Amino acid sequence: MPGPSNGRKKRKSGGKTQRKKFTVNVTHQISHNTITNASFENAQYTASASSPPPSSSYVDVTTRIYDATDEHNQPQQNHQVEYPIQHFDQPEYPIPNTPSNKFNSHLLLQEPYIHDPGNGPRVRNTRAFLKSRYFSQPPALDDPLCAEFAQEEVLQMLKTVLPEELALILWYNKSRASSRICPACQRLYHVGEVLPDHATLTGGAKSEMKPLQPPELEREQGLSGFCSSMCFILASFNQCDPRTTKAAWGHSADEIDDESWTILNGGSPLILKEGPGQNVAKALVMIVRMTRLDDLGLAQLCFPDVNWEGSNGSKEDLREEVRIL
């Protein structure tokens, strides 16, 4: 009914309405990345979220809403956002240079240092082969003679009288226990290994019996590294006649007669004229000559002023003399 109290109630109710305009409850529901309820006015407010339900999909946030009519809050035109540049320090432990984390394109252009044409592996690059840990055999340091030849100084002396490739092959053969590289055909094998013969490669008659190896073959493999009699004949062809070749194959200097040793040591009339490939031919003859001696004739190379013929000129003393071409 009308009366003075009704006006008071209207004023009270009006005041509550005005106060509600300054209170905003913002509830963010992050379930499914959506906002279910947000109420705000065009004025600046600070609203506290109501008590969240016990569900874990609700969070309480405090949202500041800026007045869109305020000039200070207007976004700047053509404003460029600058992102800070982050600098990363180097790792404490360097990452190893492996093909998994660094691609070396030049490796694709390198020729393999081992090639198998069908009759056994051949070494194409001796220096690269010696650096490999899988294919090359380590020096036999438990053998006193192999340990002496394994020294770097011996390799440097061999390079003064032989081409680098053949010097590396001879140094490898004399410092390893069983692994060998043939100086003539670069075949990689082990001493005493039965190598395929011509009949097996051409598909001829196959024999079930194991071929008998002559004792000179294994002996020559241990002395010089020539893998077969054919390679030894090829190496000594430029210097020796058939009789001298047979006398030198698989024998050391003290087992060769004087005439054959004289021919092998440079006294043969069968020396060919200079021409293409003669340097390699002379180097192969030098390997045959040097490997007849236990020290490869390096004593004469290191001490040229010493008279290695001896005072009495005996046969044993004459074997120590090797002519260095």
Protein backbone atom coordinates (compact mmCIF):
# COMPACT_ATOMS: atom_id res chain seq x y z
CA MET A 1 0.00 0.00 0.00
CA PRO A 2 1.25 3.53 -0.64
CA GLY A 3 3.08 5.23 2.09
CA PRO A 4 6.38 6.77 3.04
CA SER A 5 8.00 3.38 3.44
CA ASN A 6 7.48 2.48 -0.22
CA GLY A 7 9.72 5.32 -1.37
CA ARG A 8 12.43 4.15 1.00
CA LYS A 9 12.23 0.62 -0.43
CA LYS A 10 12.57 1.97 -3.95
CA ARG A 11 15.63 3.99 -2.98
CA LYS A 12 17.15 0.93 -1.29
CA SER A 13 16.40 -1.28 -4.25
CA GLY A 14 17.86 1.33 -6.59
CA GLY A 15 21.03 1.50 -4.57
CA LYS A 16 21.45 -2.28 -4.75
CA THR A 17 21.03 -2.11 -8.51
CA GLN A 18 23.74 0.53 -8.79
CA ARG A 19 26.11 -1.52 -6.65
CA LYS A 20 25.55 -4.62 -8.80
CA LYS A 21 26.81 -2.66 -11.80
CA PHE A 22 30.21 -2.39 -10.13
CA THR A 23 30.44 -6.11 -9.31
CA VAL A 24 31.24 -8.53 -12.10
CA ASN A 25 31.58 -12.29 -11.68
CA VAL A 26 33.63 -13.85 -14.46
CA THR A 27 33.73 -17.59 -14.64
CA HIS A 28 36.06 -19.21 -17.12
CA GLN A 29 35.39 -22.75 -17.98
CA ILE A 30 38.46 -24.19 -19.73
CA SER A 31 36.74 -27.45 -20.48
CA HIS A 32 36.88 -27.95 -24.27
CA ASN A 33 38.76 -24.61 -24.50
CA THR A 34 35.52 -22.51 -24.29
CA ILE A 35 34.28 -19.68 -22.08
CA THR A 36 30.76 -20.30 -20.80
CA ASN A 37 29.95 -17.08 -18.96
CA ALA A 38 31.48 -13.62 -19.00
CA SER A 39 29.64 -10.42 -18.06
CA PHE A 40 31.23 -7.01 -18.16
CA GLU A 41 30.41 -3.33 -18.73
CA ASN A 42 32.22 -0.72 -20.85
CA ALA A 43 33.89 0.71 -17.78
CA GLN A 44 37.12 -0.50 -16.11
CA TYR A 45 36.50 -3.17 -13.44
CA THR A 46 38.42 -5.64 -11.33
CA ALA A 47 36.32 -8.73 -10.82
CA SER A 48 37.00 -11.67 -8.54
CA ALA A 49 35.76 -15.06 -9.62
CA SER A 50 33.27 -16.81 -7.49
CA SER A 51 34.12 -19.96 -5.61
CA PRO A 52 34.83 -22.66 -8.21
CA PRO A 53 32.93 -25.88 -8.21
CA PRO A 54 34.81 -28.96 -7.05
CA SER A 55 35.33 -30.07 -10.65
CA SER A 56 38.95 -29.84 -11.86
CA SER A 57 37.78 -28.26 -15.15
CA TYR A 58 37.25 -24.84 -13.48
CA VAL A 59 39.89 -22.36 -12.40
CA ASP A 60 39.68 -19.04 -10.60
CA VAL A 61 41.00 -16.06 -12.47
CA THR A 62 41.07 -12.34 -11.91
CA THR A 63 40.29 -10.49 -15.11
CA ARG A 64 41.05 -6.85 -15.81
CA ILE A 65 38.81 -5.30 -18.44
CA TYR A 66 39.85 -2.02 -20.02
CA ASP A 67 37.54 0.65 -21.21
CA ALA A 68 37.34 0.61 -24.98
CA THR A 69 36.62 4.37 -25.04
CA ASP A 70 39.88 5.25 -23.31
CA GLU A 71 42.37 6.76 -25.78
CA HIS A 72 45.36 5.48 -23.80
CA ASN A 73 44.21 1.89 -24.23
CA GLN A 74 43.66 2.07 -27.98
CA PRO A 75 45.97 -0.28 -29.97
CA GLN A 76 48.69 1.46 -31.93
CA GLN A 77 48.44 1.38 -35.70
CA ASN A 78 51.19 -0.44 -37.63
CA HIS A 79 52.73 -1.57 -34.41
CA GLN A 80 55.47 -4.17 -34.90
CA VAL A 81 55.99 -6.75 -32.24
CA GLU A 82 59.65 -7.37 -31.42
CA TYR A 83 60.51 -10.77 -30.09
CA PRO A 84 63.61 -11.14 -27.95
CA ILE A 85 66.53 -13.01 -29.54
CA GLN A 86 67.59 -15.98 -27.50
CA HIS A 87 71.26 -16.97 -27.43
CA PHE A 88 72.05 -20.57 -26.59
CA ASP A 89 75.39 -21.43 -25.04
CA GLN A 90 77.55 -24.23 -26.37
CA PRO A 91 76.95 -27.60 -24.66
CA GLU A 92 79.34 -28.55 -21.94
CA TYR A 93 80.32 -31.71 -23.80
CA PRO A 94 80.86 -31.30 -27.56
CA ILE A 95 78.74 -33.46 -29.83
CA PRO A 96 80.91 -35.96 -31.72
CA ASN A 97 81.24 -35.53 -35.47
CA THR A 98 79.22 -38.53 -36.56
CA PRO A 99 77.12 -39.03 -39.71
CA SER A 100 73.98 -38.93 -37.53
CA ASN A 101 74.44 -35.27 -36.57
CA LYS A 102 76.63 -33.93 -39.37
CA PHE A 103 76.45 -34.82 -43.04
CA ASN A 104 79.78 -34.96 -44.82
CA SER A 105 79.02 -34.72 -48.49
CA HIS A 106 82.64 -35.18 -49.53
CA LEU A 107 82.59 -38.75 -48.24
CA LEU A 108 80.27 -39.72 -51.08
CA LEU A 109 82.91 -38.66 -53.60
CA GLN A 110 85.72 -40.77 -52.14
CA GLU A 111 86.60 -44.06 -53.78
CA PRO A 112 86.48 -47.08 -51.44
CA TYR A 113 89.97 -48.09 -50.34
CA ILE A 114 89.07 -51.81 -50.54
CA HIS A 115 87.57 -53.41 -53.63
CA ASP A 116 86.71 -57.04 -54.36
CA PRO A 117 86.70 -57.78 -58.12
CA GLY A 118 85.55 -61.35 -57.43
CA ASN A 119 88.80 -63.09 -56.56
CA GLY A 120 89.54 -61.51 -53.22
CA PRO A 121 89.71 -58.04 -51.68
CA ARG A 122 92.24 -55.58 -53.09
CA VAL A 123 93.59 -52.51 -51.32
CA ARG A 124 93.23 -49.42 -53.49
CA ASN A 125 94.46 -46.82 -50.99
CA THR A 126 97.06 -48.13 -48.56
CA ARG A 127 97.21 -45.00 -46.42
CA ALA A 128 93.44 -44.99 -45.88
CA PHE A 129 93.57 -48.73 -45.22
CA LEU A 130 96.17 -48.31 -42.48
CA LYS A 131 93.93 -45.78 -40.71
CA SER A 132 91.02 -48.22 -40.53
CA ARG A 133 90.59 -50.15 -37.31
CA TYR A 134 88.38 -52.86 -38.71
CA PHE A 135 90.28 -54.13 -41.76
CA SER A 136 93.93 -53.45 -40.93
CA GLN A 137 95.73 -55.65 -38.43
CA PRO A 138 97.57 -53.88 -35.59
CA PRO A 139 101.35 -54.28 -35.34
CA ALA A 140 102.57 -57.44 -33.62
CA LEU A 141 104.41 -55.74 -30.78
CA ASP A 142 104.92 -59.04 -28.98
CA ASP A 143 107.25 -60.14 -31.80
CA PRO A 144 110.63 -58.36 -31.40
CA LEU A 145 111.31 -58.21 -35.15
CA CYS A 146 107.81 -56.93 -36.00
CA ALA A 147 108.04 -54.38 -33.19
CA GLU A 148 111.28 -53.02 -34.68
CA PHE A 149 109.75 -52.66 -38.14
CA ALA A 150 106.61 -51.03 -36.70
CA GLN A 151 108.54 -47.88 -35.77
CA GLU A 152 107.79 -44.74 -37.75
CA GLU A 153 111.48 -44.19 -38.47
CA VAL A 154 111.62 -47.43 -40.45
CA LEU A 155 108.76 -46.24 -42.64
CA GLN A 156 110.53 -42.96 -43.32
CA MET A 157 113.68 -44.83 -44.42
CA LEU A 158 111.67 -47.07 -46.72
CA LYS A 159 110.15 -44.01 -48.40
CA THR A 160 113.63 -42.85 -49.43
CA VAL A 161 114.17 -45.91 -51.66
CA LEU A 162 110.61 -46.91 -52.62
CA PRO A 163 107.47 -45.12 -53.83
CA GLU A 164 105.16 -44.18 -50.99
CA GLU A 165 102.51 -46.79 -51.83
CA LEU A 166 104.99 -49.67 -51.98
CA ALA A 167 106.84 -48.39 -48.92
CA LEU A 168 103.61 -48.49 -46.91
CA ILE A 169 102.84 -52.00 -48.16
CA LEU A 170 106.30 -53.32 -47.27
CA TRP A 171 106.19 -51.60 -43.86
CA TYR A 172 102.77 -53.15 -43.18
CA ASN A 173 103.87 -56.65 -44.22
CA LYS A 174 106.99 -56.63 -42.07
CA SER A 175 105.29 -55.26 -38.94
CA ARG A 176 102.18 -57.50 -38.89
CA ALA A 177 101.97 -61.07 -37.71
CA SER A 178 99.85 -62.67 -40.44
CA SER A 179 98.02 -60.00 -42.46
CA ARG A 180 99.61 -59.21 -45.82
CA ILE A 181 99.11 -56.94 -48.84
CA CYS A 182 100.59 -58.27 -52.05
CA PRO A 183 102.96 -55.63 -53.49
CA ALA A 184 102.16 -56.76 -57.05
CA CYS A 185 98.34 -57.09 -57.09
CA GLN A 186 97.41 -55.43 -53.73
CA ARG A 187 95.47 -58.50 -52.61
CA LEU A 188 94.58 -58.51 -48.90
CA TYR A 189 95.03 -61.93 -47.30
CA HIS A 190 96.66 -63.86 -44.44
CA VAL A 191 99.79 -65.98 -44.51
CA GLY A 192 98.92 -69.59 -45.34
CA GLU A 193 95.47 -68.73 -46.66
CA VAL A 194 94.35 -70.83 -49.64
CA LEU A 195 93.61 -68.31 -52.38
CA PRO A 196 91.28 -69.04 -55.34
CA ASP A 197 93.12 -70.26 -58.41
CA HIS A 198 92.36 -69.63 -62.08
CA ALA A 199 90.21 -72.76 -62.53
CA THR A 200 87.91 -71.74 -59.69
CA LEU A 201 87.48 -68.20 -61.03
CA THR A 202 86.66 -69.31 -64.57
CA GLY A 203 84.22 -72.02 -63.45
CA GLY A 204 86.36 -74.93 -64.60
CA ALA A 205 86.63 -78.39 -63.11
CA LYS A 206 86.32 -78.27 -59.35
CA SER A 207 88.30 -80.66 -57.23
CA GLU A 208 87.01 -81.75 -53.85
CA MET A 209 90.58 -82.25 -52.64
CA LYS A 210 92.29 -79.30 -51.01
CA PRO A 211 95.07 -78.05 -53.29
CA LEU A 212 98.56 -78.70 -51.99
CA GLN A 213 100.48 -75.51 -51.29
CA PRO A 214 104.23 -75.60 -51.99
CA PRO A 215 106.29 -74.74 -48.91
CA GLU A 216 108.02 -71.90 -50.78
CA LEU A 217 104.69 -70.10 -51.19
CA GLU A 218 103.97 -69.69 -47.48
CA ARG A 219 107.60 -68.83 -46.86
CA GLU A 220 107.51 -66.11 -49.51
CA GLN A 221 104.28 -64.73 -48.09
CA GLY A 222 106.01 -64.30 -44.77
CA LEU A 223 109.14 -62.74 -46.28
CA SER A 224 107.80 -60.23 -48.82
CA GLY A 225 104.02 -60.56 -48.97
CA PHE A 226 103.75 -61.74 -52.59
CA CYS A 227 100.56 -63.80 -52.59
CA SER A 228 101.36 -66.25 -55.40
CA SER A 229 104.14 -67.51 -57.60
CA MET A 230 102.68 -65.52 -60.51
CA CYS A 231 103.03 -62.25 -58.59
CA PHE A 232 106.60 -63.12 -57.60
CA ILE A 233 107.50 -63.86 -61.24
CA LEU A 234 105.92 -60.55 -62.26
CA ALA A 235 107.98 -58.69 -59.65
CA SER A 236 111.30 -60.32 -60.58
CA PHE A 237 110.77 -60.44 -64.35
CA ASN A 238 112.55 -57.14 -64.94
CA GLN A 239 115.76 -58.34 -63.30
CA CYS A 240 116.02 -62.12 -62.99
CA ASP A 241 116.17 -65.04 -65.34
CA PRO A 242 114.02 -68.13 -64.64
CA ARG A 243 116.81 -69.87 -62.73
CA THR A 244 117.40 -66.89 -60.45
CA THR A 245 113.67 -66.47 -59.90
CA LYS A 246 113.35 -70.07 -58.82
CA ALA A 247 116.38 -69.78 -56.55
CA ALA A 248 115.04 -66.65 -54.85
CA TRP A 249 111.40 -67.70 -54.43
CA GLY A 250 110.75 -68.51 -50.79
CA HIS A 251 114.43 -68.30 -49.78
CA SER A 252 116.46 -65.80 -47.83
CA ALA A 253 119.83 -64.38 -48.89
CA ASP A 254 121.92 -66.99 -47.10
CA GLU A 255 120.03 -69.75 -48.95
CA ILE A 256 120.69 -68.37 -52.46
CA ASP A 257 123.80 -69.31 -54.42
CA ASP A 258 126.36 -66.67 -55.31
CA GLU A 259 125.52 -66.48 -59.00
CA SER A 260 121.81 -66.04 -58.42
CA TRP A 261 122.45 -63.41 -55.76
CA THR A 262 124.70 -61.47 -58.12
CA ILE A 263 121.98 -61.43 -60.77
CA LEU A 264 119.33 -60.45 -58.25
CA ASN A 265 121.56 -57.72 -56.87
CA GLY A 266 121.85 -55.91 -60.19
CA GLY A 267 124.26 -57.94 -62.28
CA SER A 268 121.74 -59.22 -64.81
CA PRO A 269 121.90 -58.41 -68.54
CA LEU A 270 118.09 -58.73 -68.69
CA ILE A 271 117.42 -55.20 -67.43
CA LEU A 272 114.92 -53.61 -69.79
CA LYS A 273 115.24 -50.14 -71.27
CA GLU A 274 113.64 -47.12 -69.71
CA GLY A 275 109.96 -46.74 -70.50
CA PRO A 276 106.48 -46.37 -69.01
CA GLY A 277 106.09 -48.34 -65.80
CA GLN A 278 109.81 -48.96 -65.32
CA ASN A 279 109.82 -47.12 -61.98
CA VAL A 280 107.23 -49.52 -60.60
CA ALA A 281 109.08 -52.50 -62.09
CA LYS A 282 112.34 -51.40 -60.48
CA ALA A 283 110.56 -50.86 -57.17
CA LEU A 284 109.16 -54.41 -57.26
CA VAL A 285 112.63 -55.81 -57.94
CA MET A 286 113.91 -53.74 -55.03
CA ILE A 287 111.29 -55.33 -52.75
CA VAL A 288 112.36 -58.81 -53.86
CA ARG A 289 115.97 -57.88 -53.18
CA MET A 290 115.41 -56.20 -49.82
CA THR A 291 113.13 -58.89 -48.41
CA ARG A 292 115.86 -61.54 -48.82
CA LEU A 293 117.62 -59.87 -45.86
CA ASP A 294 116.43 -59.84 -42.27
CA ASP A 295 116.89 -56.07 -41.88
CA LEU A 296 115.79 -55.21 -45.46
CA GLY A 297 119.27 -53.81 -46.12
CA LEU A 298 118.52 -50.74 -43.99
CA ALA A 299 121.85 -51.10 -42.18
CA GLN A 300 123.69 -50.21 -45.38
CA LEU A 301 121.28 -47.32 -45.97
CA CYS A 302 121.83 -45.88 -42.48
CA PHE A 303 125.59 -46.49 -42.38
CA PRO A 304 126.89 -46.15 -45.96
CA ASP A 305 130.51 -45.67 -44.85
CA VAL A 306 130.70 -49.07 -43.15
CA ASN A 307 132.37 -51.83 -45.20
CA TRP A 308 129.64 -54.48 -45.13
CA GLU A 309 131.67 -56.84 -47.32
CA GLY A 310 133.82 -57.76 -44.34
CA SER A 311 137.55 -58.20 -44.10
CA ASN A 312 137.62 -61.78 -45.32
CA GLY A 313 134.93 -61.43 -48.00
CA SER A 314 133.07 -64.51 -46.80
CA LYS A 315 129.77 -65.62 -48.31
CA GLU A 316 127.82 -64.64 -45.21
CA ASP A 317 129.25 -61.11 -45.25
CA LEU A 318 128.52 -60.67 -48.95
CA ARG A 319 124.84 -61.38 -48.28
CA GLU A 320 124.63 -58.17 -46.25
CA GLU A 321 125.34 -56.00 -49.28
CA VAL A 322 122.30 -54.76 -51.16
CA ARG A 323 122.48 -52.29 -54.01
CA ILE A 324 120.08 -49.40 -53.46
CA LEU A 325 118.79 -48.15 -56.81
